[in-house]
Protein backbone atom coordinates (compact mmCIF):
# COMPACT_ATOMS: atom_id res chain seq x y z
CA UNK A 1 -0.04 0.08 -0.02
CA UNK A 2 1.09 3.55 -0.60
CA UNK A 3 -0.20 4.98 2.71
CA UNK A 4 0.74 4.12 6.24
CA UNK A 5 -2.04 3.33 8.60
CA UNK A 6 -2.48 4.61 12.27
CA UNK A 7 -5.22 5.21 14.75
CA UNK A 8 -5.46 7.72 17.61
CA UNK A 9 -4.81 6.09 20.98
CA UNK A 10 -7.21 8.61 22.74
CA UNK A 11 -9.89 6.31 21.37
CA UNK A 12 -9.10 3.67 23.92
CA UNK A 13 -9.09 6.17 26.90
CA UNK A 14 -12.36 8.30 26.66
CA UNK A 15 -15.84 6.84 27.03
CA UNK A 16 -14.52 3.36 27.50
CA UNK A 17 -15.53 1.02 30.35
CA UNK A 18 -11.95 0.85 31.36
CA UNK A 19 -9.04 2.66 29.75
CA UNK A 20 -6.71 0.38 27.83
CA UNK A 21 -3.02 0.56 28.75
CA UNK A 22 -0.76 1.97 26.23
CA UNK A 23 1.45 -1.09 25.81
CA UNK A 24 -1.71 -3.31 25.35
CA UNK A 25 -2.86 -0.74 22.55
CA UNK A 26 0.59 -1.00 20.72
CA UNK A 27 0.57 -4.69 20.83
CA UNK A 28 -3.09 -4.97 19.75
CA UNK A 29 -2.50 -2.51 16.85
CA UNK A 30 0.60 -4.49 15.76
CA UNK A 31 -1.40 -7.63 15.66
CA UNK A 32 -4.17 -5.92 13.50
CA UNK A 33 -1.60 -4.80 10.95
CA UNK A 34 -1.26 -1.14 11.60
CA UNK A 35 1.80 0.59 10.58
CA UNK A 36 1.68 2.87 13.63
CA UNK A 37 -0.37 4.92 16.04
CA UNK A 38 -1.07 8.49 16.81
CA UNK A 39 -0.35 9.25 20.39
CA UNK A 40 -2.75 10.96 22.58
CA UNK A 41 -0.91 12.29 25.63
CA UNK A 42 -3.74 12.00 28.05
CA UNK A 43 -4.43 10.15 31.31
CA UNK A 44 -2.51 6.95 31.71
CA UNK A 45 -0.99 7.15 28.22
CA UNK A 46 2.46 8.50 27.70
CA UNK A 47 2.64 12.23 28.28
CA UNK A 48 5.25 14.79 29.61
CA UNK A 49 3.96 14.72 33.19
CA UNK A 50 4.21 10.85 33.43
CA UNK A 51 7.35 10.36 31.46
CA UNK A 52 9.82 12.92 32.73
CA UNK A 53 13.23 11.41 32.13
CA UNK A 54 15.05 10.64 28.79
CA UNK A 55 15.04 7.00 29.54
CA UNK A 56 11.34 6.87 30.25
CA UNK A 57 10.74 8.63 27.00
CA UNK A 58 13.10 6.33 25.04
CA UNK A 59 11.22 3.31 26.41
CA UNK A 60 7.96 4.60 25.20
CA UNK A 61 9.45 5.22 21.80
CA UNK A 62 10.89 1.80 21.63
CA UNK A 63 7.42 0.20 22.32
CA UNK A 64 6.43 0.97 18.71
CA UNK A 65 9.86 1.09 16.98
CA UNK A 66 10.71 -2.28 18.28
CA UNK A 67 7.69 -3.76 16.44
CA UNK A 68 8.57 -1.84 13.25
CA UNK A 69 5.91 0.76 13.84
CA UNK A 70 5.83 4.46 13.59
CA UNK A 71 4.04 7.26 15.30
CA UNK A 72 2.01 9.56 13.03
CA UNK A 73 1.62 12.51 15.33
CA UNK A 74 1.13 13.76 18.86
CA UNK A 75 -2.17 15.12 20.32
CA UNK A 76 -1.04 17.13 23.39
CA UNK A 77 -3.23 17.96 26.38
CA UNK A 78 -3.98 21.57 26.32
CA UNK A 79 -7.70 21.29 27.57
CA UNK A 80 -6.69 22.96 30.86
CA UNK A 81 -5.41 26.02 29.18
CA UNK A 82 -7.29 29.30 28.06
CA UNK A 83 -6.06 30.20 24.68
CA UNK A 84 -8.68 33.03 24.12
CA UNK A 85 -9.94 34.38 27.42
CA UNK A 86 -6.59 34.28 29.36
CA UNK A 87 -5.17 37.93 29.88
CA UNK A 88 -1.79 36.64 28.42
CA UNK A 89 -0.47 33.55 26.82
CA UNK A 90 2.33 32.58 29.42
CA UNK A 91 0.57 29.60 30.84
CA UNK A 92 -0.45 28.29 27.32
CA UNK A 93 3.28 28.80 26.07
CA UNK A 94 4.54 26.89 29.10
CA UNK A 95 2.30 23.99 28.30
CA UNK A 96 3.11 24.09 24.72
CA UNK A 97 6.78 24.08 25.31
CA UNK A 98 6.60 21.10 27.66
CA UNK A 99 4.57 19.10 25.20
CA UNK A 100 6.82 20.12 22.19
CA UNK A 101 9.82 18.85 23.95
CA UNK A 102 8.03 15.63 24.63
CA UNK A 103 7.12 15.32 21.01
CA UNK A 104 10.65 15.81 19.80
CA UNK A 105 12.10 13.36 22.46
CA UNK A 106 9.70 10.66 21.10
CA UNK A 107 10.85 11.44 17.46
CA UNK A 108 7.34 12.46 16.42
CA UNK A 109 7.11 14.85 13.47
CA UNK A 110 3.88 16.73 14.26
CA UNK A 111 1.88 18.20 17.12
CA UNK A 112 -1.70 18.97 17.34
CA UNK A 113 -3.26 22.02 18.88
CA UNK A 114 -6.91 23.31 19.30
CA UNK A 115 -8.39 26.62 20.40
CA UNK A 116 -9.15 25.03 23.87
CA UNK A 117 -12.31 26.98 24.58
CA UNK A 118 -15.96 26.52 23.72
CA UNK A 119 -17.49 28.51 20.77
CA UNK A 120 -19.57 30.41 23.27
CA UNK A 121 -16.50 32.60 24.04
CA UNK A 122 -17.03 34.23 20.66
CA UNK A 123 -20.83 34.66 20.96
CA UNK A 124 -24.14 32.86 21.66
CA UNK A 125 -24.65 29.70 19.94
CA UNK A 126 -28.38 29.51 18.70
CA UNK A 127 -30.35 26.80 20.17
CA UNK A 128 -28.05 26.21 23.07
CA UNK A 129 -27.76 27.28 26.74
CA UNK A 130 -24.51 29.03 27.72
CA UNK A 131 -22.10 26.47 29.24
CA UNK A 132 -21.15 27.05 32.89
CA UNK A 133 -17.53 26.94 32.05
CA UNK A 134 -17.89 30.01 29.73
CA UNK A 135 -17.65 33.06 32.10
CA UNK A 136 -16.70 35.68 29.60
CA UNK A 137 -16.95 36.40 25.98
CA UNK A 138 -14.33 38.07 23.75
CA UNK A 139 -14.91 40.13 20.71
CA UNK A 140 -14.02 38.40 17.41
CA UNK A 141 -11.12 40.50 16.40
CA UNK A 142 -9.44 40.29 19.86
CA UNK A 143 -9.93 36.60 20.09
CA UNK A 144 -8.41 36.04 16.52
CA UNK A 145 -5.43 38.15 17.37
CA UNK A 146 -4.70 36.32 20.47
CA UNK A 147 -4.95 32.84 18.83
CA UNK A 148 -3.02 33.81 15.79
CA UNK A 149 -0.14 35.67 17.63
CA UNK A 150 0.28 32.72 20.14
CA UNK A 151 0.09 30.11 17.45
CA UNK A 152 2.70 32.00 15.29
CA UNK A 153 5.04 31.79 18.28
CA UNK A 154 4.21 28.14 18.73
CA UNK A 155 4.69 27.52 15.06
CA UNK A 156 8.16 29.15 14.95
CA UNK A 157 9.25 27.15 17.89
CA UNK A 158 7.99 23.86 16.47
CA UNK A 159 9.75 24.74 13.12
CA UNK A 160 13.01 25.22 14.90
CA UNK A 161 12.48 21.74 16.42
CA UNK A 162 11.67 20.27 13.11
CA UNK A 163 8.18 19.46 14.11
CA UNK A 164 5.01 20.34 12.08
CA UNK A 165 2.19 22.22 13.86
CA UNK A 166 -1.39 21.23 12.92
CA UNK A 167 -4.62 22.78 14.18
CA UNK A 168 -7.60 20.58 14.43
CA UNK A 169 -10.80 22.72 13.81
CA UNK A 170 -14.02 21.13 15.21
CA UNK A 171 -17.51 22.17 16.39
CA UNK A 172 -16.56 21.83 20.04
CA UNK A 173 -14.06 24.72 20.08
CA UNK A 174 -13.98 28.32 18.91
CA UNK A 175 -13.35 29.24 15.30
CA UNK A 176 -15.50 26.66 13.88
CA UNK A 177 -16.71 28.17 10.51
CA UNK A 178 -15.12 27.65 7.20
CA UNK A 179 -14.15 31.30 7.02
CA UNK A 180 -12.64 31.19 10.57
CA UNK A 181 -10.31 28.55 9.32
CA UNK A 182 -8.94 30.61 6.65
CA UNK A 183 -8.70 33.68 8.92
CA UNK A 184 -6.53 31.83 11.29
CA UNK A 185 -4.30 30.49 8.49
CA UNK A 186 -3.92 34.00 7.24
CA UNK A 187 -3.30 35.40 10.75
CA UNK A 188 -0.71 32.87 11.82
CA UNK A 189 1.02 33.33 8.32
CA UNK A 190 3.68 30.69 8.51
CA UNK A 191 4.81 27.74 6.38
CA UNK A 192 4.94 25.42 9.16
CA UNK A 193 1.30 26.09 10.24
CA UNK A 194 -1.14 23.48 8.83
CA UNK A 195 -4.59 22.17 9.38
CA UNK A 196 -5.57 18.71 10.72
CA UNK A 197 -8.36 17.62 8.41
CA UNK A 198 -10.83 15.24 10.24
CA UNK A 199 -13.55 14.15 7.85
CA UNK A 200 -16.08 13.98 10.71
CA UNK A 201 -15.32 17.43 11.81
CA UNK A 202 -15.32 18.66 8.30
CA UNK A 203 -18.85 17.36 7.86
CA UNK A 204 -20.11 19.11 10.85
CA UNK A 205 -18.32 22.43 10.06
CA UNK A 206 -18.77 22.73 6.33
CA UNK A 207 -22.18 20.77 5.83
CA UNK A 208 -24.17 21.12 9.05
CA UNK A 209 -22.69 24.32 10.60
CA UNK A 210 -22.79 22.73 14.05
CA UNK A 211 -22.39 24.90 17.19
CA UNK A 212 -21.38 28.02 15.24
CA UNK A 213 -22.02 31.30 17.10
CA UNK A 214 -24.30 33.74 15.41
CA UNK A 215 -25.29 33.06 11.80
CA UNK A 216 -24.66 29.59 10.50
CA UNK A 217 -22.12 29.29 7.70
CA UNK A 218 -21.64 26.08 5.50
CA UNK A 219 -20.30 25.50 2.15
CA UNK A 220 -22.38 24.37 -1.01
CA UNK A 221 -19.62 21.78 -1.86
CA UNK A 222 -19.35 20.58 1.77
CA UNK A 223 -16.31 18.49 2.59
CA UNK A 224 -14.96 18.55 -0.92
CA UNK A 225 -15.15 22.25 -0.96
CA UNK A 226 -13.45 22.79 2.32
CA UNK A 227 -10.60 20.43 1.13
CA UNK A 228 -10.19 22.36 -2.06
CA UNK A 229 -10.00 25.73 -0.10
CA UNK A 230 -7.22 24.19 2.00
CA UNK A 231 -5.18 22.90 -0.67
CA UNK A 232 -1.51 23.09 0.37
CA UNK A 233 -2.40 23.61 4.07
CA UNK A 234 -3.61 20.15 5.21
CA UNK A 235 -0.83 18.81 7.44
CA UNK A 236 -2.50 15.69 8.88
CA UNK A 237 -5.47 13.48 7.75
CA UNK A 238 -8.09 11.82 10.08
CA UNK A 239 -10.57 9.59 8.26
CA UNK A 240 -13.75 8.34 9.99
CA UNK A 241 -17.48 8.35 9.19
CA UNK A 242 -19.92 11.04 10.37
CA UNK A 243 -23.60 11.16 11.07
CA UNK A 244 -23.79 14.90 11.38
CA UNK A 245 -24.52 14.85 15.17
CA UNK A 246 -22.86 16.28 18.28
CA UNK A 247 -21.89 14.02 21.14
CA UNK A 248 -22.26 14.49 24.84
CA UNK A 249 -18.89 16.25 24.89
CA UNK A 250 -20.29 18.94 22.60
CA UNK A 251 -18.23 17.94 19.55
CA UNK A 252 -18.49 15.67 16.55
CA UNK A 253 -19.70 12.15 16.91
CA UNK A 254 -17.09 9.83 15.25
CA UNK A 255 -19.09 6.68 14.35
CA UNK A 256 -17.11 3.70 12.73
CA UNK A 257 -16.97 3.44 8.92
CA UNK A 258 -20.36 2.34 7.51
CA UNK A 259 -22.35 3.73 10.67
CA UNK A 260 -22.56 7.19 9.30
CA UNK A 261 -23.67 8.76 6.17
CA UNK A 262 -20.48 10.13 4.48
CA UNK A 263 -19.96 9.37 0.75
CA UNK A 264 -16.11 9.22 0.60
CA UNK A 265 -16.11 9.15 -3.17
CA UNK A 266 -17.42 12.64 -3.19
CA UNK A 267 -14.47 14.26 -1.47
CA UNK A 268 -11.55 11.89 -1.26
CA UNK A 269 -10.06 13.06 -4.62
CA UNK A 270 -10.21 16.56 -3.36
CA UNK A 271 -8.37 15.61 -0.17
CA UNK A 272 -5.66 13.80 -2.08
CA UNK A 273 -5.25 16.62 -4.40
CA UNK A 274 -4.79 19.11 -1.57
CA UNK A 275 -1.36 17.67 -1.24
CA UNK A 276 -0.65 16.02 2.07
CA UNK A 277 2.95 16.23 3.38
CA UNK A 278 3.27 12.87 4.86
CA UNK A 279 1.95 9.35 3.91
CA UNK A 280 0.00 8.70 7.20
CA UNK A 281 -3.85 8.16 7.00
CA UNK A 282 -5.21 7.90 10.54
CA UNK A 283 -8.48 6.59 12.03
CA UNK A 284 -10.24 8.62 14.74
CA UNK A 285 -12.65 6.95 16.98
CA UNK A 286 -12.74 9.68 19.59
CA UNK A 287 -15.29 9.15 22.29
CA UNK A 288 -16.77 6.05 20.53
CA UNK A 289 -17.82 3.51 23.21
CA UNK A 290 -16.08 0.13 23.06
CA UNK A 291 -13.75 1.53 20.49
CA UNK A 292 -11.51 -1.49 20.47
CA UNK A 293 -14.35 -3.58 19.09
CA UNK A 294 -14.73 -1.23 16.14
CA UNK A 295 -10.98 -1.03 15.35
CA UNK A 296 -10.62 -4.02 13.16
CA UNK A 297 -13.61 -3.05 11.02
CA UNK A 298 -12.30 0.40 10.75
CA UNK A 299 -8.90 -0.85 9.78
CA UNK A 300 -10.42 -2.92 6.87
CA UNK A 301 -12.29 0.28 5.58
CA UNK A 302 -9.22 2.29 5.72
CA UNK A 303 -7.29 -0.23 3.78
CA UNK A 304 -10.00 -0.17 1.14
CA UNK A 305 -9.96 3.69 1.00
CA UNK A 306 -6.19 3.39 0.48
CA UNK A 307 -6.63 0.91 -2.39
CA UNK A 308 -8.99 3.45 -4.03
CA UNK A 309 -7.50 6.78 -3.33
CA UNK A 310 -4.02 6.18 -1.85
């Protein structure tokens, strides 16, 4: 196959009856024929607060490398930070640098970020009650400036470390309209700043306009058009189905392949034509109950997509 396959390890932590230990995940993915994994630095899985020494970090890296596997990216835990409403970015930058160092120590080529705060910080979301955690709102231009200036700094530091920075847009976090994505790209204005393109999030953002403050914004061409607009700026690819709904965590439901309504033939050529900088195609089963039971089925579906479009 012309692409390497991985899956986000956070799937085996969130919404599971019991979190699956990281080594068990690695062993199981190897048995299923995955080329690698995408590390979620949360909870009991490897992260900079659990693995502090060079030897500990080398041992984590060896878990996959000793089996001939790779790591397609690192999803760092920034959910305790306030990127938009904090008076300054010192706490966020401290968390970012800690995770960037961890990412580099494990030899991972890309680090994921998100805007960390609910869309309500930019304005009221029609049809919803304001979440308790949103204690203040910030005008759009100020919020955009804060995000872009901080991420420009992060992107420069990541570039110096030889690590690609990718932003995962989604309905659960602020700046979740198609035009927002372009404004952030333009505002950061750096060759090392990319978008993580998740097909489920893309469906909710570009087709359904889920959880968007103020007036809803969608695209006539849906996922395909969004991919076309992001040509040259997609830095990581997550593939999974979508049913156009929001889960209990206020973000996209990620159903296994075949359990949603996406027609991959409509948009996969546009994603491929957008020009991905690496050869990893990654499954994302975030928050899906009993994710391990769906993994083999999703691997088979991903293999088929690679045969058709890879």
